[in-house]
Amino acid sequence: MFGFSEEQLAEFGMTFGLGAFMLYMLFIIGELAWKSKAGKLGTFILFFVLAFGMLGFVAKFIIQKLWGI
């Protein structure tokens, strides 16, 4: 499609597409904390707990790039 192979499209989607989706999820978490008036500790807990899974995905991406997998 448009001169790109399926592998190139999949890699683009997994890096930039999922990265954009993760930023959107962080925005949603911030909006949730603001609307619920969670305070500083509550906001920290919301970001820590809800964004912890995203940290694993980012770590996986970094490890793959460093090790050349």
PDB file of N, CA and C in Angstrom:
ATOM      1  N   MET A   1       0.847  -1.173   0.000  1.00  0.00           N
ATOM      2  CA  MET A   1       0.000   0.000   0.000  1.00  0.00           C
ATOM      3  C   MET A   1       0.892   1.235   0.000  1.00  0.00           C
ATOM      4  N   PHE A   2       0.724   2.081  -0.965  1.00  0.00           N
ATOM      5  CA  PHE A   2       1.488   3.324  -1.132  1.00  0.00           C
ATOM      6  C   PHE A   2       2.991   3.063  -1.182  1.00  0.00           C
ATOM      7  N   GLY A   3       3.395   1.907  -1.673  1.00  0.00           N
ATOM      8  CA  GLY A   3       4.813   1.592  -1.801  1.00  0.00           C
ATOM      9  C   GLY A   3       5.468   1.083  -0.529  1.00  0.00           C
ATOM     10  N   PHE A   4       4.705   0.778   0.497  1.00  0.00           N
ATOM     11  CA  PHE A   4       5.249   0.257   1.741  1.00  0.00           C
ATOM     12  C   PHE A   4       4.876  -1.203   1.893  1.00  0.00           C
ATOM     13  N   SER A   5       5.757  -1.972   2.503  1.00  0.00           N
ATOM     14  CA  SER A   5       5.447  -3.377   2.740  1.00  0.00           C
ATOM     15  C   SER A   5       4.582  -3.501   3.988  1.00  0.00           C
ATOM     16  N   GLU A   6       4.018  -4.674   4.174  1.00  0.00           N
ATOM     17  CA  GLU A   6       3.174  -4.916   5.347  1.00  0.00           C
ATOM     18  C   GLU A   6       3.984  -4.787   6.638  1.00  0.00           C
ATOM     19  N   GLU A   7       5.227  -5.212   6.594  1.00  0.00           N
ATOM     20  CA  GLU A   7       6.095  -5.112   7.774  1.00  0.00           C
ATOM     21  C   GLU A   7       6.351  -3.645   8.150  1.00  0.00           C
ATOM     22  N   GLN A   8       6.577  -2.795   7.164  1.00  0.00           N
ATOM     23  CA  GLN A   8       6.816  -1.380   7.431  1.00  0.00           C
ATOM     24  C   GLN A   8       5.581  -0.706   8.008  1.00  0.00           C
ATOM     25  N   LEU A   9       4.405  -1.040   7.472  1.00  0.00           N
ATOM     26  CA  LEU A   9       3.163  -0.471   7.999  1.00  0.00           C
ATOM     27  C   LEU A   9       2.901  -0.931   9.426  1.00  0.00           C
ATOM     28  N   ALA A  10       3.165  -2.207   9.700  1.00  0.00           N
ATOM     29  CA  ALA A  10       2.949  -2.736  11.045  1.00  0.00           C
ATOM     30  C   ALA A  10       3.899  -2.083  12.044  1.00  0.00           C
ATOM     31  N   GLU A  11       5.160  -1.907  11.660  1.00  0.00           N
ATOM     32  CA  GLU A  11       6.117  -1.268  12.568  1.00  0.00           C
ATOM     33  C   GLU A  11       5.742   0.191  12.831  1.00  0.00           C
ATOM     34  N   PHE A  12       5.297   0.889  11.796  1.00  0.00           N
ATOM     35  CA  PHE A  12       4.861   2.275  11.968  1.00  0.00           C
ATOM     36  C   PHE A  12       3.669   2.356  12.915  1.00  0.00           C
ATOM     37  N   GLY A  13       2.715   1.479  12.717  1.00  0.00           N
ATOM     38  CA  GLY A  13       1.532   1.468  13.579  1.00  0.00           C
ATOM     39  C   GLY A  13       1.863   1.127  15.017  1.00  0.00           C
ATOM     40  N   MET A  14       2.782   0.194  15.218  1.00  0.00           N
ATOM     41  CA  MET A  14       3.134  -0.215  16.574  1.00  0.00           C
ATOM     42  C   MET A  14       3.947   0.850  17.304  1.00  0.00           C
ATOM     43  N   THR A  15       4.700   1.655  16.588  1.00  0.00           N
ATOM     44  CA  THR A  15       5.500   2.677  17.266  1.00  0.00           C
ATOM     45  C   THR A  15       4.740   3.996  17.384  1.00  0.00           C
ATOM     46  N   PHE A  16       4.395   4.587  16.269  1.00  0.00           N
ATOM     47  CA  PHE A  16       3.773   5.911  16.296  1.00  0.00           C
ATOM     48  C   PHE A  16       2.282   5.856  16.617  1.00  0.00           C
ATOM     49  N   GLY A  17       1.581   4.901  16.044  1.00  0.00           N
ATOM     50  CA  GLY A  17       0.146   4.797  16.303  1.00  0.00           C
ATOM     51  C   GLY A  17      -0.148   4.470  17.759  1.00  0.00           C
ATOM     52  N   LEU A  18       0.544   3.484  18.288  1.00  0.00           N
ATOM     53  CA  LEU A  18       0.341   3.124  19.684  1.00  0.00           C
ATOM     54  C   LEU A  18       0.896   4.192  20.616  1.00  0.00           C
ATOM     55  N   GLY A  19       1.975   4.853  20.208  1.00  0.00           N
ATOM     56  CA  GLY A  19       2.507   5.961  21.005  1.00  0.00           C
ATOM     57  C   GLY A  19       1.518   7.102  21.125  1.00  0.00           C
ATOM     58  N   ALA A  20       0.866   7.422  20.024  1.00  0.00           N
ATOM     59  CA  ALA A  20      -0.152   8.481  20.050  1.00  0.00           C
ATOM     60  C   ALA A  20      -1.334   8.061  20.920  1.00  0.00           C
ATOM     61  N   PHE A  21      -1.720   6.805  20.833  1.00  0.00           N
ATOM     62  CA  PHE A  21      -2.819   6.304  21.655  1.00  0.00           C
ATOM     63  C   PHE A  21      -2.446   6.355  23.139  1.00  0.00           C
ATOM     64  N   MET A  22      -1.198   6.072  23.471  1.00  0.00           N
ATOM     65  CA  MET A  22      -0.745   6.128  24.867  1.00  0.00           C
ATOM     66  C   MET A  22      -0.775   7.569  25.382  1.00  0.00           C
ATOM     67  N   LEU A  23      -0.376   8.520  24.565  1.00  0.00           N
ATOM     68  CA  LEU A  23      -0.461   9.927  24.970  1.00  0.00           C
ATOM     69  C   LEU A  23      -1.905  10.342  25.199  1.00  0.00           C
ATOM     70  N   TYR A  24      -2.804   9.855  24.367  1.00  0.00           N
ATOM     71  CA  TYR A  24      -4.228  10.151  24.539  1.00  0.00           C
ATOM     72  C   TYR A  24      -4.740   9.551  25.849  1.00  0.00           C
ATOM     73  N   MET A  25      -4.288   8.341  26.181  1.00  0.00           N
ATOM     74  CA  MET A  25      -4.701   7.719  27.437  1.00  0.00           C
ATOM     75  C   MET A  25      -4.181   8.511  28.636  1.00  0.00           C
ATOM     76  N   LEU A  26      -2.973   9.071  28.534  1.00  0.00           N
ATOM     77  CA  LEU A  26      -2.453   9.915  29.611  1.00  0.00           C
ATOM     78  C   LEU A  26      -3.316  11.168  29.767  1.00  0.00           C
ATOM     79  N   PHE A  27      -3.757  11.733  28.656  1.00  0.00           N
ATOM     80  CA  PHE A  27      -4.666  12.878  28.707  1.00  0.00           C
ATOM     81  C   PHE A  27      -5.969  12.502  29.416  1.00  0.00           C
ATOM     82  N   ILE A  28      -6.495  11.325  29.111  1.00  0.00           N
ATOM     83  CA  ILE A  28      -7.734  10.865  29.744  1.00  0.00           C
ATOM     84  C   ILE A  28      -7.535  10.683  31.249  1.00  0.00           C
ATOM     85  N   ILE A  29      -6.398  10.125  31.655  1.00  0.00           N
ATOM     86  CA  ILE A  29      -6.114   9.947  33.084  1.00  0.00           C
ATOM     87  C   ILE A  29      -6.046  11.307  33.777  1.00  0.00           C
ATOM     88  N   GLY A  30      -5.373  12.277  33.154  1.00  0.00           N
ATOM     89  CA  GLY A  30      -5.296  13.623  33.719  1.00  0.00           C
ATOM     90  C   GLY A  30      -6.659  14.275  33.828  1.00  0.00           C
ATOM     91  N   GLU A  31      -7.477  14.094  32.808  1.00  0.00           N
ATOM     92  CA  GLU A  31      -8.830  14.650  32.828  1.00  0.00           C
ATOM     93  C   GLU A  31      -9.656  13.999  33.942  1.00  0.00           C
ATOM     94  N   LEU A  32      -9.499  12.707  34.114  1.00  0.00           N
ATOM     95  CA  LEU A  32     -10.199  11.987  35.177  1.00  0.00           C
ATOM     96  C   LEU A  32      -9.777  12.509  36.550  1.00  0.00           C
ATOM     97  N   ALA A  33      -8.490  12.720  36.734  1.00  0.00           N
ATOM     98  CA  ALA A  33      -7.992  13.241  38.015  1.00  0.00           C
ATOM     99  C   ALA A  33      -8.512  14.658  38.259  1.00  0.00           C
ATOM    100  N   TRP A  34      -8.548  15.482  37.225  1.00  0.00           N
ATOM    101  CA  TRP A  34      -9.001  16.859  37.380  1.00  0.00           C
ATOM    102  C   TRP A  34     -10.492  16.931  37.702  1.00  0.00           C
ATOM    103  N   LYS A  35     -11.303  16.161  36.980  1.00  0.00           N
ATOM    104  CA  LYS A  35     -12.747  16.210  37.193  1.00  0.00           C
ATOM    105  C   LYS A  35     -13.164  15.609  38.528  1.00  0.00           C
ATOM    106  N   SER A  36     -12.393  14.633  39.018  1.00  0.00           N
ATOM    107  CA  SER A  36     -12.738  14.022  40.301  1.00  0.00           C
ATOM    108  C   SER A  36     -12.125  14.786  41.476  1.00  0.00           C
ATOM    109  N   LYS A  37     -11.350  15.843  41.187  1.00  0.00           N
ATOM    110  CA  LYS A  37     -10.672  16.636  42.220  1.00  0.00           C
ATOM    111  C   LYS A  37      -9.874  15.727  43.149  1.00  0.00           C
ATOM    112  N   ALA A  38      -9.010  14.920  42.541  1.00  0.00           N
ATOM    113  CA  ALA A  38      -8.283  13.874  43.264  1.00  0.00           C
ATOM    114  C   ALA A  38      -7.193  14.431  44.179  1.00  0.00           C
ATOM    115  N   GLY A  39      -6.689  15.606  43.944  1.00  0.00           N
ATOM    116  CA  GLY A  39      -5.588  16.137  44.740  1.00  0.00           C
ATOM    117  C   GLY A  39      -4.262  15.608  44.222  1.00  0.00           C
ATOM    118  N   LYS A  40      -3.181  16.013  44.874  1.00  0.00           N
ATOM    119  CA  LYS A  40      -1.853  15.627  44.392  1.00  0.00           C
ATOM    120  C   LYS A  40      -1.593  14.136  44.563  1.00  0.00           C
ATOM    121  N   LEU A  41      -1.879  13.606  45.739  1.00  0.00           N
ATOM    122  CA  LEU A  41      -1.628  12.185  45.983  1.00  0.00           C
ATOM    123  C   LEU A  41      -2.542  11.315  45.117  1.00  0.00           C
ATOM    124  N   GLY A  42      -3.806  11.679  45.024  1.00  0.00           N
ATOM    125  CA  GLY A  42      -4.733  10.920  44.190  1.00  0.00           C
ATOM    126  C   GLY A  42      -4.349  10.935  42.727  1.00  0.00           C
ATOM    127  N   THR A  43      -3.905  12.083  42.251  1.00  0.00           N
ATOM    128  CA  THR A  43      -3.470  12.192  40.857  1.00  0.00           C
ATOM    129  C   THR A  43      -2.235  11.335  40.622  1.00  0.00           C
ATOM    130  N   PHE A  44      -1.306  11.361  41.561  1.00  0.00           N
ATOM    131  CA  PHE A  44      -0.111  10.525  41.435  1.00  0.00           C
ATOM    132  C   PHE A  44      -0.491   9.051  41.388  1.00  0.00           C
ATOM    133  N   ILE A  45      -1.392   8.638  42.261  1.00  0.00           N
ATOM    134  CA  ILE A  45      -1.804   7.234  42.300  1.00  0.00           C
ATOM    135  C   ILE A  45      -2.506   6.851  40.998  1.00  0.00           C
ATOM    136  N   LEU A  46      -3.370   7.722  40.489  1.00  0.00           N
ATOM    137  CA  LEU A  46      -4.038   7.443  39.224  1.00  0.00           C
ATOM    138  C   LEU A  46      -3.031   7.262  38.087  1.00  0.00           C
ATOM    139  N   PHE A  47      -2.088   8.185  37.973  1.00  0.00           N
ATOM    140  CA  PHE A  47      -1.099   8.076  36.913  1.00  0.00           C
ATOM    141  C   PHE A  47      -0.217   6.852  37.109  1.00  0.00           C
ATOM    142  N   PHE A  48       0.189   6.577  38.333  1.00  0.00           N
ATOM    143  CA  PHE A  48       1.078   5.439  38.580  1.00  0.00           C
ATOM    144  C   PHE A  48       0.389   4.124  38.244  1.00  0.00           C
ATOM    145  N   VAL A  49      -0.812   3.934  38.746  1.00  0.00           N
ATOM    146  CA  VAL A  49      -1.508   2.656  38.564  1.00  0.00           C
ATOM    147  C   VAL A  49      -1.981   2.480  37.124  1.00  0.00           C
ATOM    148  N   LEU A  50      -2.629   3.500  36.562  1.00  0.00           N
ATOM    149  CA  LEU A  50      -3.207   3.350  35.237  1.00  0.00           C
ATOM    150  C   LEU A  50      -2.176   3.413  34.117  1.00  0.00           C
ATOM    151  N   ALA A  51      -1.059   4.067  34.350  1.00  0.00           N
ATOM    152  CA  ALA A  51      -0.042   4.169  33.309  1.00  0.00           C
ATOM    153  C   ALA A  51       1.076   3.143  33.475  1.00  0.00           C
ATOM    154  N   PHE A  52       0.980   2.279  34.468  1.00  0.00           N
ATOM    155  CA  PHE A  52       2.047   1.300  34.725  1.00  0.00           C
ATOM    156  C   PHE A  52       2.181   0.306  33.568  1.00  0.00           C
ATOM    157  N   GLY A  53       1.084  -0.097  32.970  1.00  0.00           N
ATOM    158  CA  GLY A  53       1.136  -1.015  31.833  1.00  0.00           C
ATOM    159  C   GLY A  53       1.807  -0.394  30.622  1.00  0.00           C
ATOM    160  N   MET A  54       1.600   0.899  30.427  1.00  0.00           N
ATOM    161  CA  MET A  54       2.242   1.584  29.304  1.00  0.00           C
ATOM    162  C   MET A  54       3.753   1.626  29.493  1.00  0.00           C
ATOM    163  N   LEU A  55       4.205   1.720  30.734  1.00  0.00           N
ATOM    164  CA  LEU A  55       5.635   1.742  31.007  1.00  0.00           C
ATOM    165  C   LEU A  55       6.290   0.436  30.557  1.00  0.00           C
ATOM    166  N   GLY A  56       5.603  -0.685  30.753  1.00  0.00           N
ATOM    167  CA  GLY A  56       6.121  -1.975  30.295  1.00  0.00           C
ATOM    168  C   GLY A  56       6.264  -2.027  28.789  1.00  0.00           C
ATOM    169  N   PHE A  57       5.302  -1.470  28.068  1.00  0.00           N
ATOM    170  CA  PHE A  57       5.388  -1.455  26.610  1.00  0.00           C
ATOM    171  C   PHE A  57       6.557  -0.605  26.139  1.00  0.00           C
ATOM    172  N   VAL A  58       6.750   0.549  26.762  1.00  0.00           N
ATOM    173  CA  VAL A  58       7.867   1.429  26.390  1.00  0.00           C
ATOM    174  C   VAL A  58       9.197   0.750  26.709  1.00  0.00           C
ATOM    175  N   ALA A  59       9.280   0.078  27.856  1.00  0.00           N
ATOM    176  CA  ALA A  59      10.508  -0.628  28.221  1.00  0.00           C
ATOM    177  C   ALA A  59      10.811  -1.738  27.215  1.00  0.00           C
ATOM    178  N   LYS A  60       9.790  -2.457  26.779  1.00  0.00           N
ATOM    179  CA  LYS A  60       9.968  -3.512  25.773  1.00  0.00           C
ATOM    180  C   LYS A  60      10.523  -2.930  24.474  1.00  0.00           C
ATOM    181  N   PHE A  61       9.989  -1.794  24.054  1.00  0.00           N
ATOM    182  CA  PHE A  61      10.457  -1.150  22.828  1.00  0.00           C
ATOM    183  C   PHE A  61      11.921  -0.734  22.955  1.00  0.00           C
ATOM    184  N   ILE A  62      12.288  -0.138  24.098  1.00  0.00           N
ATOM    185  CA  ILE A  62      13.671   0.313  24.316  1.00  0.00           C
ATOM    186  C   ILE A  62      14.623  -0.873  24.348  1.00  0.00           C
ATOM    187  N   ILE A  63      14.247  -1.948  25.024  1.00  0.00           N
ATOM    188  CA  ILE A  63      15.107  -3.141  25.103  1.00  0.00           C
ATOM    189  C   ILE A  63      15.295  -3.740  23.713  1.00  0.00           C
ATOM    190  N   GLN A  64      14.239  -3.794  22.919  1.00  0.00           N
ATOM    191  CA  GLN A  64      14.366  -4.319  21.564  1.00  0.00           C
ATOM    192  C   GLN A  64      15.316  -3.488  20.728  1.00  0.00           C
ATOM    193  N   LYS A  65      15.256  -2.171  20.849  1.00  0.00           N
ATOM    194  CA  LYS A  65      16.138  -1.314  20.065  1.00  0.00           C
ATOM    195  C   LYS A  65      17.593  -1.435  20.528  1.00  0.00           C
ATOM    196  N   LEU A  66      17.804  -1.537  21.854  1.00  0.00           N
ATOM    197  CA  LEU A  66      19.164  -1.633  22.371  1.00  0.00           C
ATOM    198  C   LEU A  66      19.821  -2.960  22.016  1.00  0.00           C
ATOM    199  N   TRP A  67      19.068  -4.044  22.075  1.00  0.00           N
ATOM    200  CA  TRP A  67      19.617  -5.354  21.799  1.00  0.00           C
ATOM    201  C   TRP A  67      19.534  -5.741  20.327  1.00  0.00           C
ATOM    202  N   GLY A  68      18.852  -4.960  19.535  1.00  0.00           N
ATOM    203  CA  GLY A  68      18.752  -5.237  18.109  1.00  0.00           C
ATOM    204  C   GLY A  68      17.860  -6.423  17.780  1.00  0.00           C
ATOM    205  N   ILE A  69      16.839  -6.617  18.570  1.00  0.00           N
ATOM    206  CA  ILE A  69      15.945  -7.772  18.348  1.00  0.00           C
ATOM    207  C   ILE A  69      14.923  -7.402  17.308  1.00  0.00           C
TER     208      ILE A  69
END
